[in-house]
Protein backbone atom coordinates (compact mmCIF):
# COMPACT_ATOMS: atom_id res chain seq x y z
CA MET A 1 0.00 0.00 0.00
CA SER A 2 1.43 3.31 -1.05
CA HIS A 3 1.70 6.07 1.53
CA ASP A 4 2.66 9.07 -0.54
CA TRP A 5 1.93 12.13 1.56
CA PRO A 6 -0.76 13.13 2.10
CA TYR A 7 -2.43 9.73 2.06
CA PRO A 8 -5.04 9.93 -0.67
CA GLU A 9 -7.85 8.78 1.56
CA ILE A 10 -6.91 11.23 4.29
CA LEU A 11 -6.61 14.12 1.86
CA LYS A 12 -10.03 13.19 0.55
CA ASN A 13 -11.38 13.34 4.07
CA GLU A 14 -9.77 16.74 4.61
CA LYS A 15 -11.37 18.18 1.51
CA ASN A 16 -14.79 16.85 2.46
CA ASP A 17 -14.47 17.68 6.11
CA LEU A 18 -17.55 19.92 6.20
CA LYS A 19 -19.67 17.49 4.23
CA ARG A 20 -18.72 14.26 5.89
CA LYS A 21 -17.09 13.97 9.26
CA LEU A 22 -17.53 10.97 11.50
CA LEU A 23 -20.10 11.72 14.06
CA LEU A 24 -18.92 10.08 17.22
CA SER A 25 -20.63 9.43 20.44
CA LEU A 26 -20.53 7.29 23.37
CA LEU A 27 -22.40 4.50 24.84
CA ILE A 28 -24.57 5.68 27.67
CA GLY A 29 -26.65 3.91 30.24
CA VAL A 30 -27.82 5.99 33.20
CA SER A 31 -26.85 9.15 34.99
CA ILE A 32 -23.30 9.81 36.19
CA THR A 33 -21.70 12.76 37.91
CA THR A 34 -20.93 15.70 35.62
CA VAL A 35 -17.47 17.28 35.66
CA THR A 36 -17.23 20.69 37.30
CA ASN A 37 -13.57 21.34 38.03
CA ALA A 38 -11.96 19.00 35.58
CA ALA A 39 -8.43 19.74 34.52
CA PRO A 40 -6.30 16.60 34.01
CA ASN A 41 -4.58 18.12 31.00
CA VAL A 42 -3.89 21.37 32.87
CA ASP A 43 -2.55 19.31 35.76
CA TYR A 44 -0.30 17.49 33.31
CA LEU A 45 1.20 20.71 31.92
CA GLN A 46 1.73 22.24 35.36
CA LYS A 47 3.63 19.22 36.64
CA LYS A 48 5.50 18.41 33.44
CA TYR A 49 6.78 21.92 32.72
CA ASN A 50 6.52 23.60 36.15
CA ILE A 51 4.20 26.36 34.95
CA SER A 52 1.23 28.14 36.51
CA SER A 53 -2.38 27.05 36.04
CA GLU A 54 -2.97 30.26 34.06
CA GLU A 55 -0.14 29.45 31.68
CA ALA A 56 -1.30 25.84 31.34
CA ASN A 57 -4.86 26.91 30.57
CA MET A 58 -3.60 29.34 27.94
CA ARG A 59 -1.66 26.57 26.20
CA ILE A 60 -4.67 24.26 26.22
CA GLU A 61 -6.91 26.99 24.79
CA LEU A 62 -4.40 27.65 21.99
CA GLN A 63 -4.65 24.05 20.73
CA ASN A 64 -7.81 24.93 18.78
CA ASP A 65 -5.87 27.75 17.09
CA VAL A 66 -3.11 25.29 16.26
CA ILE A 67 -5.66 23.06 14.55
CA ALA A 68 -7.00 26.01 12.55
CA LEU A 69 -3.47 26.96 11.48
CA SER A 70 -2.79 23.38 10.47
CA GLU A 71 -5.91 23.37 8.31
CA LYS A 72 -4.72 26.57 6.61
CA LEU A 73 -1.29 25.12 5.88
CA ASN A 74 -2.71 21.82 4.59
CA GLN A 75 -5.00 23.65 2.19
CA ALA A 76 -2.15 25.82 0.89
CA ASN A 77 -0.50 22.75 -0.71
CA ASP A 78 2.98 24.24 -0.31
CA SER A 79 5.43 21.57 -1.51
CA ASP A 80 8.04 22.83 0.96
CA TYR A 81 5.77 22.57 4.00
CA ALA A 82 7.34 20.15 6.50
CA ASP A 83 4.70 20.12 9.27
CA MET A 84 4.43 21.90 12.62
CA TYR A 85 4.65 21.13 16.33
CA ILE A 86 4.23 22.73 19.74
CA GLN A 87 7.36 23.53 21.74
CA HIS A 88 6.84 23.68 25.53
CA GLN A 89 10.43 24.27 26.66
CA PRO A 90 12.39 26.48 27.24
CA VAL A 91 9.54 28.77 26.15
CA TYR A 92 6.21 28.07 24.53
CA LYS A 93 6.30 28.30 20.72
CA ILE A 94 4.33 26.99 17.77
CA ILE A 95 7.01 25.89 15.33
CA VAL A 96 6.16 25.84 11.62
CA LEU A 97 8.67 24.06 9.39
CA PHE A 98 9.44 24.67 5.72
CA ALA A 99 12.12 22.94 3.66
CA ASP A 100 13.37 26.15 2.07
CA ASN A 101 14.66 29.51 3.23
CA SER A 102 12.06 31.70 1.53
CA ASP A 103 10.98 34.91 3.20
CA ARG A 104 7.63 34.13 4.82
CA LYS A 105 6.94 37.51 6.42
CA ASP A 106 3.69 37.77 4.49
CA PHE A 107 2.59 34.43 5.92
CA LEU A 108 3.27 35.63 9.46
CA LYS A 109 1.42 38.88 8.81
CA SER A 110 -1.58 36.90 7.59
CA LEU A 111 -1.96 35.19 10.95
CA ASP A 112 -4.38 36.25 13.62
CA PRO A 113 -2.57 38.68 15.97
CA LYS A 114 -3.30 36.24 18.76
CA MET A 115 -1.11 33.67 16.98
CA GLN A 116 1.65 35.94 15.68
CA ARG A 117 3.12 36.11 19.17
CA TRP A 118 3.65 32.37 19.34
CA VAL A 119 4.42 31.22 15.78
CA GLN A 120 8.05 30.77 14.78
CA ILE A 121 9.21 29.61 11.35
CA LYS A 122 12.19 27.25 11.11
CA GLN A 123 13.92 25.68 8.14
CA ALA A 124 13.59 21.92 7.85
CA LYS A 125 15.86 19.44 6.11
CA LYS A 126 13.04 17.84 4.18
CA SER A 127 9.44 18.45 3.22
CA ARG A 128 6.64 16.36 4.69
CA SER A 129 6.09 14.47 1.46
CA ILE A 130 9.77 13.51 1.23
CA TYR A 131 10.36 12.28 4.79
CA SER A 132 7.01 10.46 4.79
CA GLN A 133 8.02 8.49 1.72
CA GLU A 134 11.45 7.81 3.25
CA LEU A 135 9.79 6.55 6.43
CA ASP A 136 7.69 4.17 4.33
CA ASP A 137 10.87 2.95 2.62
CA ILE A 138 12.49 2.29 6.01
CA ASN A 139 9.44 0.35 7.18
CA MET A 140 9.39 -1.70 3.98
CA ALA A 141 13.02 -2.69 4.53
CA LEU A 142 12.58 -3.53 8.22
CA ASN A 143 9.35 -5.47 7.71
CA ARG A 144 11.36 -8.10 5.85
CA LEU A 145 13.32 -8.81 9.06
CA ASN A 146 10.28 -10.02 11.01
CA LEU A 147 11.33 -7.89 13.99
CA ILE A 148 9.26 -6.08 16.58
CA TYR A 149 10.08 -2.37 16.21
CA THR A 150 8.69 1.14 16.00
CA SER A 151 9.83 3.99 13.76
CA VAL A 152 9.09 7.72 13.55
CA TYR A 153 10.45 10.85 11.93
CA ASP A 154 11.16 13.33 14.71
CA LEU A 155 10.42 16.91 13.71
CA GLU A 156 12.72 18.46 16.30
CA SER A 157 15.85 16.44 15.62
CA GLN A 158 15.02 16.05 11.90
CA ASN A 159 16.06 12.42 12.14
CA PHE A 160 14.43 9.02 11.97
CA LEU A 161 14.15 7.23 15.33
CA ILE A 162 13.86 3.44 15.48
CA THR A 163 13.21 1.42 18.64
CA VAL A 164 13.83 -2.34 18.84
CA GLU A 165 13.20 -4.79 21.69
CA ASN A 166 16.60 -6.48 21.75
CA LYS A 167 20.14 -5.13 21.59
CA SER A 168 21.01 -7.90 19.16
CA ASP A 169 18.58 -6.40 16.64
CA ILE A 170 20.47 -3.10 16.32
CA ASN A 171 23.12 -4.33 13.88
CA LEU A 172 20.51 -6.20 11.87
CA VAL A 173 18.51 -3.00 11.49
CA LYS A 174 21.62 -1.01 10.53
CA GLN A 175 22.46 -3.50 7.79
CA SER A 176 18.95 -3.41 6.38
CA LEU A 177 18.38 0.34 6.27
CA PRO A 178 18.46 2.10 2.89
CA LYS A 179 21.99 3.42 2.37
CA ALA A 180 20.57 6.84 1.55
CA ARG A 181 19.49 7.13 5.20
CA ASN A 182 23.01 6.70 6.62
CA GLY A 183 23.58 9.31 9.30
CA GLU A 184 19.86 10.12 9.53
CA VAL A 185 18.74 7.28 11.81
CA THR A 186 19.04 6.77 15.56
CA ILE A 187 18.42 3.24 16.88
CA LYS A 188 17.73 2.39 20.52
CA VAL A 189 16.49 -0.49 22.64
CA GLY A 190 13.22 0.03 24.49
CA ASN A 191 9.74 -1.22 25.24
CA ILE A 192 7.42 -1.63 22.28
CA PRO A 193 3.69 -0.91 22.84
CA LYS A 194 1.56 -4.06 22.98
CA ILE A 195 -2.07 -4.39 22.05
CA GLN A 196 -4.25 -4.15 25.13
CA ALA A 197 -7.34 -6.27 24.86
CA ALA A 198 -7.23 -8.61 27.85
CA PRO A 199 -7.03 -7.08 31.36
CA SER A 200 -7.47 -8.92 34.63
CA GLY A 201 -9.06 -7.79 37.85
CA VAL A 202 -11.36 -5.23 36.21
CA ARG A 203 -14.67 -4.60 37.97
CA ALA A 204 -17.36 -5.07 35.36
CA GLY A 205 -20.31 -2.71 35.69
CA ASP A 206 -23.86 -3.06 34.46
CA LYS A 207 -23.93 0.37 32.87
CA LEU A 208 -22.08 1.08 29.67
CA TYR A 209 -20.54 4.30 28.50
CA ALA A 210 -17.66 4.91 26.17
CA GLY A 211 -14.70 4.29 28.43
CA ASN A 212 -16.34 1.36 30.20
CA THR A 213 -16.14 -2.40 29.87
CA LEU A 214 -16.98 -4.64 26.96
CA SER A 215 -16.91 -8.26 28.08
CA TYR A 216 -15.98 -11.51 26.39
CA THR A 217 -18.84 -13.96 25.86
CA SER A 218 -17.48 -15.82 28.89
CA GLY A 219 -18.38 -12.76 30.97
CA SER A 220 -14.84 -11.63 31.75
CA PRO A 221 -13.76 -8.06 30.86
CA GLY A 222 -12.20 -7.73 27.43
CA CYS A 223 -11.95 -4.30 25.79
CA THR A 224 -13.17 -0.72 26.15
CA ALA A 225 -16.24 0.77 24.50
CA GLY A 226 -15.19 3.63 22.26
CA PHE A 227 -17.15 6.24 20.39
CA ALA A 228 -20.46 5.35 18.76
CA VAL A 229 -21.09 6.02 15.08
CA SER A 230 -23.98 6.29 12.67
CA TYR A 231 -23.95 4.63 9.25
CA ILE A 232 -26.34 3.63 6.46
CA SER A 233 -27.19 -0.03 5.89
CA GLY A 234 -29.81 -1.07 3.34
CA GLY A 235 -30.93 2.53 2.99
CA VAL A 236 -31.59 2.76 6.75
CA THR A 237 -29.54 4.93 9.12
CA LYS A 238 -28.26 2.85 12.03
CA LYS A 239 -26.06 3.41 15.07
CA GLY A 240 -23.03 1.33 15.91
CA ILE A 241 -20.35 0.84 18.54
CA LEU A 242 -16.69 1.46 17.83
CA THR A 243 -13.74 -0.35 19.42
CA SER A 244 -10.34 -1.78 18.40
CA GLY A 245 -10.18 -4.19 15.49
CA HIS A 246 -8.01 -6.64 17.42
CA CYS A 247 -10.75 -7.11 20.03
CA PRO A 248 -12.84 -10.30 19.71
CA ASN A 249 -15.80 -10.40 17.33
CA ASP A 250 -18.22 -11.59 20.02
CA MET A 251 -18.56 -9.17 22.94
CA LEU A 252 -21.19 -8.62 25.63
CA VAL A 253 -22.73 -5.44 26.95
CA LYS A 254 -23.52 -6.28 30.59
CA PHE A 255 -26.56 -4.61 32.09
CA ASN A 256 -28.11 -5.09 35.54
CA ASP A 257 -30.42 -7.93 34.69
CA HIS A 258 -29.32 -9.11 31.27
CA ASN A 259 -26.57 -9.22 28.68
CA VAL A 260 -26.68 -7.93 25.10
CA LEU A 261 -24.61 -9.80 22.53
CA LEU A 262 -23.18 -7.31 20.07
CA SER A 263 -23.90 -8.16 16.44
CA GLY A 264 -21.16 -7.64 13.92
CA PRO A 265 -18.74 -6.48 13.06
CA ILE A 266 -20.14 -4.37 10.25
CA VAL A 267 -16.58 -3.52 9.33
CA GLU A 268 -13.44 -4.96 10.86
CA LYS A 269 -9.84 -3.89 10.30
CA GLN A 270 -7.72 -6.03 12.56
CA HIS A 271 -4.30 -5.43 13.99
CA ARG A 272 -1.79 -7.19 11.74
CA SER A 273 0.37 -8.70 14.44
CA ASP A 274 -2.24 -9.62 17.04
CA PRO A 275 -0.48 -12.21 19.25
CA ASN A 276 -3.83 -13.86 19.98
CA GLY A 277 -4.05 -14.91 16.37
CA GLY A 278 -6.78 -12.51 15.34
CA GLY A 279 -4.70 -10.35 13.04
CA ASP A 280 -5.20 -10.39 9.31
CA ASN A 281 -1.47 -10.12 8.49
CA ILE A 282 -2.13 -7.04 6.40
CA SER A 283 0.20 -4.10 6.85
CA ASP A 284 -1.97 -1.01 7.09
CA LYS A 285 -2.79 1.85 9.43
CA TYR A 286 -6.09 0.55 10.79
CA ASP A 287 -7.20 -1.10 14.01
CA TYR A 288 -10.94 -0.68 14.51
CA GLN A 289 -14.30 -2.40 14.17
CA ILE A 290 -17.90 -1.28 14.26
CA TRP A 291 -20.73 -3.33 15.77
CA ASP A 292 -24.46 -2.89 15.23
CA GLY A 293 -25.86 -0.96 18.19
CA THR A 294 -29.57 -1.29 17.36
CA GLY A 295 -31.67 -0.94 20.50
CA LEU A 296 -28.91 0.58 22.59
CA ASN A 297 -29.06 4.14 23.82
CA LEU A 298 -26.26 6.00 22.04
CA ASP A 299 -25.36 9.69 22.11
CA ASN A 300 -22.35 12.00 22.38
CA GLN A 301 -21.39 11.32 26.01
CA ILE A 302 -18.04 9.86 27.16
CA ALA A 303 -17.81 8.44 30.66
CA PHE A 304 -14.63 8.40 32.68
CA LYS A 305 -13.32 7.37 36.07
CA ASP A 306 -10.35 8.90 37.85
CA LEU A 307 -8.23 6.04 39.19
CA ASN A 308 -5.11 8.20 39.56
CA GLY A 309 -6.03 10.85 42.11
CA ILE A 310 -5.93 13.81 39.72
CA PRO A 311 -6.20 16.99 41.85
CA GLU A 312 -9.59 18.75 41.83
CA PHE A 313 -11.00 16.10 39.53
CA PRO A 314 -14.13 14.04 40.30
CA ALA A 315 -14.00 10.29 40.75
CA THR A 316 -16.48 9.78 37.89
CA GLY A 317 -18.06 12.00 35.29
CA ILE A 318 -18.98 12.52 31.68
CA PHE A 319 -17.65 14.50 28.77
CA ARG A 320 -19.61 15.48 25.67
CA LEU A 321 -18.21 15.02 22.21
CA THR A 322 -18.80 18.19 20.19
CA ALA A 323 -16.18 17.90 17.42
CA ILE A 324 -13.42 15.76 15.94
CA THR A 325 -10.06 16.64 14.46
CA THR A 326 -8.27 14.70 11.77
CA PHE A 327 -4.91 12.98 11.50
CA LEU A 328 -3.26 15.86 9.65
CA ASN A 329 -4.12 18.30 12.44
CA GLN A 330 -2.82 16.30 15.40
CA LYS A 331 0.57 17.83 16.21
CA LYS A 332 3.51 17.02 18.42
CA GLY A 333 3.20 18.86 21.71
CA MET A 334 -0.60 18.69 21.91
CA ILE A 335 -2.04 17.39 25.18
CA VAL A 336 -4.55 14.56 24.75
CA CYS A 337 -6.49 12.38 27.18
CA LYS A 338 -8.04 8.91 27.09
CA SER A 339 -10.85 7.08 28.86
CA GLY A 340 -10.20 3.36 29.30
CA GLN A 341 -11.87 0.71 31.42
CA THR A 342 -8.60 -0.32 33.10
CA THR A 343 -6.62 2.87 33.76
CA GLY A 344 -9.50 5.34 33.64
CA ILE A 345 -8.71 8.85 32.43
CA THR A 346 -5.06 9.48 31.64
CA CYS A 347 -3.40 12.35 29.80
CA GLY A 348 -0.13 12.74 27.96
CA GLU A 349 1.62 14.63 25.20
CA ILE A 350 1.67 13.77 21.51
CA THR A 351 5.32 12.95 20.88
CA ASN A 352 4.88 12.06 17.21
CA GLY A 353 1.99 12.83 14.90
CA ASN A 354 2.92 10.26 12.25
CA ALA A 355 4.41 7.30 14.09
CA SER A 356 4.93 3.85 12.64
CA HIS A 357 3.19 0.95 14.32
CA ASP A 358 3.18 -2.59 13.08
CA GLY A 359 5.44 -1.53 10.22
CA VAL A 360 3.19 1.21 8.82
CA ALA A 361 3.16 4.96 9.48
CA GLY A 362 0.04 7.00 10.18
CA TRP A 363 -0.49 6.47 13.93
CA ILE A 364 -0.37 8.91 16.85
CA GLN A 365 2.17 8.36 19.65
CA VAL A 366 1.50 9.69 23.18
CA ALA A 367 3.92 9.69 26.13
CA ASN A 368 5.05 11.56 29.27
CA SER A 369 1.91 10.86 31.29
CA ASN A 370 1.64 12.02 34.91
CA GLN A 371 -0.39 8.92 35.68
CA ALA A 372 1.29 5.67 36.77
CA ASN A 373 0.32 3.93 33.52
CA ILE A 374 -0.78 5.81 30.45
CA SER A 375 -2.67 2.66 29.44
CA ALA A 376 -2.98 -1.03 30.28
CA GLY A 377 -4.55 -4.22 29.01
CA GLY A 378 -8.26 -3.75 28.45
CA ASP A 379 -8.02 -0.10 27.37
CA SER A 380 -8.11 -1.09 23.68
CA GLY A 381 -10.91 0.71 21.88
CA GLY A 382 -11.00 3.58 24.39
CA ALA A 383 -11.63 7.13 23.25
CA TRP A 384 -8.77 9.63 22.90
CA PHE A 385 -9.71 13.31 22.89
CA LEU A 386 -8.66 16.92 23.30
CA TYR A 387 -9.99 18.27 26.56
CA PRO A 388 -10.22 22.07 26.96
CA GLY A 389 -10.33 21.95 30.76
CA SER A 390 -12.82 24.79 31.04
CA SER A 391 -15.91 22.79 30.07
CA THR A 392 -17.16 19.25 29.63
CA ASN A 393 -17.00 19.48 25.81
CA VAL A 394 -14.21 17.53 24.12
CA THR A 395 -12.85 16.99 20.61
CA GLY A 396 -12.37 13.36 19.53
CA VAL A 397 -8.96 12.40 18.09
CA GLY A 398 -8.59 8.62 18.11
CA VAL A 399 -9.16 5.00 19.13
CA HIS A 400 -6.74 3.33 21.55
CA THR A 401 -4.69 0.52 20.05
CA ALA A 402 -1.56 -0.25 22.09
CA GLY A 403 0.61 0.78 25.00
CA ASN A 404 3.11 -0.24 27.66
CA SER A 405 1.84 -1.35 31.06
CA SER A 406 4.69 -0.13 33.26
CA THR A 407 5.78 2.97 35.12
CA ASN A 408 8.73 3.71 32.83
CA PRO A 409 8.46 7.43 31.92
CA GLU A 410 9.57 6.63 28.37
CA ASP A 411 6.64 4.28 27.82
CA TYR A 412 4.00 5.45 25.41
CA ALA A 413 0.63 4.64 23.91
CA ILE A 414 -0.46 4.38 20.29
CA TYR A 415 -3.85 5.29 18.88
CA MET A 416 -5.48 5.29 15.47
CA PRO A 417 -6.70 8.73 14.30
CA ILE A 418 -10.48 8.87 14.45
CA ASP A 419 -11.03 10.05 10.88
CA TYR A 420 -9.79 6.69 9.56
CA ILE A 421 -13.07 5.00 10.45
CA ASP A 422 -14.91 6.27 7.38
CA ASP A 423 -12.27 5.00 4.96
CA HIS A 424 -14.20 1.74 4.40
CA ILE A 425 -17.82 2.82 4.80
CA SER A 426 -18.41 6.24 3.29
CA SER A 427 -21.71 6.70 5.14
CA VAL A 428 -20.12 6.65 8.60
CA ASN A 429 -20.96 9.95 10.28
CA THR A 430 -20.58 11.51 13.68
CA LEU A 431 -23.23 12.09 16.30
CA LYS A 432 -22.06 15.26 17.91
CA GLN A 433 -23.82 17.92 19.87
């Protein structure tokens, strides 16, 4: 599968964003406490960068402006555009990269005065289209080795970063890399995110929201309910339930006095290297499935539980999905949060907006969480979102796929961008408030 940048299907989605966005929602059951003083992402920024709550709130509020700027740059189709990211240290900046040294004063003047203060233009070694193709070439070479690895192109260092599980794999990777990439690749040994579909010790509830438990047919907890979607089947608009593709096909919704067997999947794109044998051995950028949700109460609410003692944050609550943002607008430095059945709500920082997972680029990598574990087994399918901190409204960004279940600060999670879910059924739409 070719991944020339931008991916054709993603570019198509960008162009039709106003006509056809996924309309996401969450599985709801009964009432749950509403958030009043919720600020896990603000708490993250304060602790991570030792800044005031005022400064942290300002940075969170600016993320919507970053998305708008990203949209503007994507639509400009500048062949020298190399992407953008948020810099948090030593001072806050929004870095925009171009692979030439042209005078871009007019571009800066065209920005909203609110943004001019923060935007800084830097020269990049390569354009986005070039390094994306080179990353695909690296993945193609390494996939032949049958190794477990991850790969990204880091915008700050302007180098490719590869992580392998064993020290013995380093030389093998070096020998297999395209010679043209000599001097442009850093290789290290580290933990590789694992798919997270089978937790233990999870308390199964009889009420279901996005963020809560989906159970195996045996009754034991299995995955996390993600956003809900609407789609057209046989000329009829239906609602469905979204979760990870590597989760089992037969899952139960457990209510107080009965169980509902989910029917589906309507569409299933499995994780290629699922160790449980469910993968389809296809290298692509998808890990999701949609089940028929007929008869279930579905709307735009996302439930969460705080299992990490986040200051001034309620033990349980709900968010409301009011928007989504696409793959191309999810930038390094953004603060995102997740609701999973095992680890509850956790927040971290996007460390790469086009990471490779399972040998294919196009995933979002999140790390540097304040919580003990950014994710754990059973969180697969959980909703990732941008949380403004000042309200209960959130912007959906992805579906949880993989992560490391340890307290190592370098551990990270991987999620699939949410706009990918309409790549296989064009009628998939969002249910947003």
